[in-house]
Amino acid sequence: MKRLFARSALLASLALFMGSHAVIAHAEDAPVSDEQLASNVKNALDSDPELKALNLHVVSKKQEVTIDGKMTDDQQMYKAGVIAEKVPGVKFVINNMNM
């Protein structure tokens, strides 16, 4: 009887773990809307004080992000591209920043 109970408890724990693991994996794979992705990229760019001062404009279409705005040096353009590429869900970055 104890063996049956222990086995049932083990199977129940395993089922619970697998069920919660599947939900977590699914949540990470869920695509974000283009509006949310643009907002996430904008927030990431604004977390850098130098880029925040540029007040960059970000839009997204089919997970392709476009950054528009004025820069004062080429390093800002490079930095904005690197930051945007690291945001989860971004497939491609079009950087239209100019002087």
Protein backbone atom coordinates (compact mmCIF):
# COMPACT_ATOMS: atom_id res chain seq x y z
CA MET A 1 0.00 0.00 0.00
CA LYS A 2 2.82 2.43 0.89
CA ARG A 3 4.54 1.62 -2.41
CA LEU A 4 1.35 2.36 -4.37
CA PHE A 5 0.91 5.68 -2.55
CA ALA A 6 4.54 6.68 -3.14
CA ARG A 7 4.26 5.80 -6.83
CA SER A 8 1.01 7.76 -7.18
CA ALA A 9 2.54 10.77 -5.45
CA LEU A 10 5.59 10.61 -7.70
CA LEU A 11 3.46 10.42 -10.86
CA ALA A 12 1.26 13.29 -9.66
CA SER A 13 4.33 15.45 -8.95
CA LEU A 14 5.80 14.63 -12.34
CA ALA A 15 2.54 15.47 -14.11
CA LEU A 16 2.30 18.77 -12.23
CA PHE A 17 5.91 19.65 -13.10
CA MET A 18 5.48 18.76 -16.77
CA GLY A 19 2.24 20.71 -16.98
CA SER A 20 3.76 23.85 -15.50
CA HIS A 21 6.90 23.45 -17.61
CA ALA A 22 4.82 23.29 -20.79
CA VAL A 23 3.00 26.49 -19.85
CA ILE A 24 6.28 28.29 -19.18
CA ALA A 25 7.80 27.16 -22.47
CA HIS A 26 4.66 28.21 -24.33
CA ALA A 27 4.65 31.66 -22.71
CA GLU A 28 8.26 32.29 -23.76
CA ASP A 29 7.51 31.30 -27.37
CA ALA A 30 4.38 33.42 -27.65
CA PRO A 31 4.88 36.19 -30.21
CA VAL A 32 4.39 39.78 -29.11
CA SER A 33 2.32 42.22 -31.12
CA ASP A 34 4.17 44.71 -33.30
CA GLU A 35 2.89 47.53 -31.11
CA GLN A 36 4.27 45.85 -27.96
CA LEU A 37 7.55 45.02 -29.70
CA ALA A 38 8.03 48.64 -30.77
CA SER A 39 7.32 49.72 -27.19
CA ASN A 40 9.83 47.18 -25.83
CA VAL A 41 12.51 48.43 -28.22
CA LYS A 42 11.76 52.07 -27.39
CA ASN A 43 12.07 51.29 -23.68
CA ALA A 44 15.37 49.48 -24.28
CA LEU A 45 16.73 52.44 -26.27
CA ASP A 46 15.52 54.91 -23.64
CA SER A 47 17.34 52.97 -20.93
CA ASP A 48 20.53 54.43 -22.39
CA PRO A 49 20.73 58.12 -21.32
CA GLU A 50 22.53 59.19 -24.50
CA LEU A 51 19.94 57.56 -26.77
CA LYS A 52 17.01 58.71 -24.64
CA ALA A 53 18.08 62.31 -25.24
CA LEU A 54 17.65 61.72 -29.00
CA ASN A 55 13.93 60.86 -28.57
CA LEU A 56 14.07 58.14 -31.22
CA HIS A 57 10.91 56.93 -32.96
CA VAL A 58 10.36 53.16 -33.22
CA VAL A 59 7.83 51.19 -35.27
CA SER A 60 7.51 47.48 -35.91
CA LYS A 61 5.89 45.49 -38.70
CA LYS A 62 6.04 41.69 -38.71
CA GLN A 63 8.80 41.80 -36.05
CA GLU A 64 10.93 44.08 -38.27
CA VAL A 65 11.78 47.18 -36.25
CA THR A 66 12.51 50.57 -37.78
CA ILE A 67 14.34 53.26 -35.81
CA ASP A 68 14.06 56.88 -36.97
CA GLY A 69 15.65 59.99 -35.52
CA LYS A 70 18.55 62.38 -35.50
CA MET A 71 21.97 61.41 -34.17
CA THR A 72 24.99 63.50 -33.37
CA ASP A 73 27.56 60.79 -34.16
CA ASP A 74 27.76 57.39 -35.87
CA GLN A 75 28.35 55.54 -32.60
CA GLN A 76 24.81 56.37 -31.51
CA MET A 77 23.44 54.69 -34.63
CA TYR A 78 25.55 51.60 -33.97
CA LYS A 79 24.57 51.50 -30.28
CA ALA A 80 20.85 51.84 -31.09
CA GLY A 81 21.07 48.96 -33.58
CA VAL A 82 22.85 46.68 -31.12
CA ILE A 83 20.35 47.42 -28.35
CA ALA A 84 17.34 46.91 -30.64
CA GLU A 85 18.66 43.57 -31.94
CA LYS A 86 18.86 42.21 -28.39
CA VAL A 87 15.17 42.78 -27.64
CA PRO A 88 13.33 39.44 -27.67
CA GLY A 89 11.08 39.09 -30.72
CA VAL A 90 13.06 41.40 -33.02
CA LYS A 91 13.86 39.63 -36.28
CA PHE A 92 15.44 42.54 -38.18
CA VAL A 93 16.38 46.16 -37.49
CA ILE A 94 16.15 48.95 -40.07
CA ASN A 95 18.12 51.89 -38.71
CA ASN A 96 17.12 55.15 -40.41
CA MET A 97 18.93 57.44 -37.99
CA ASN A 98 20.69 60.35 -39.68
CA MET A 99 22.63 63.51 -38.89
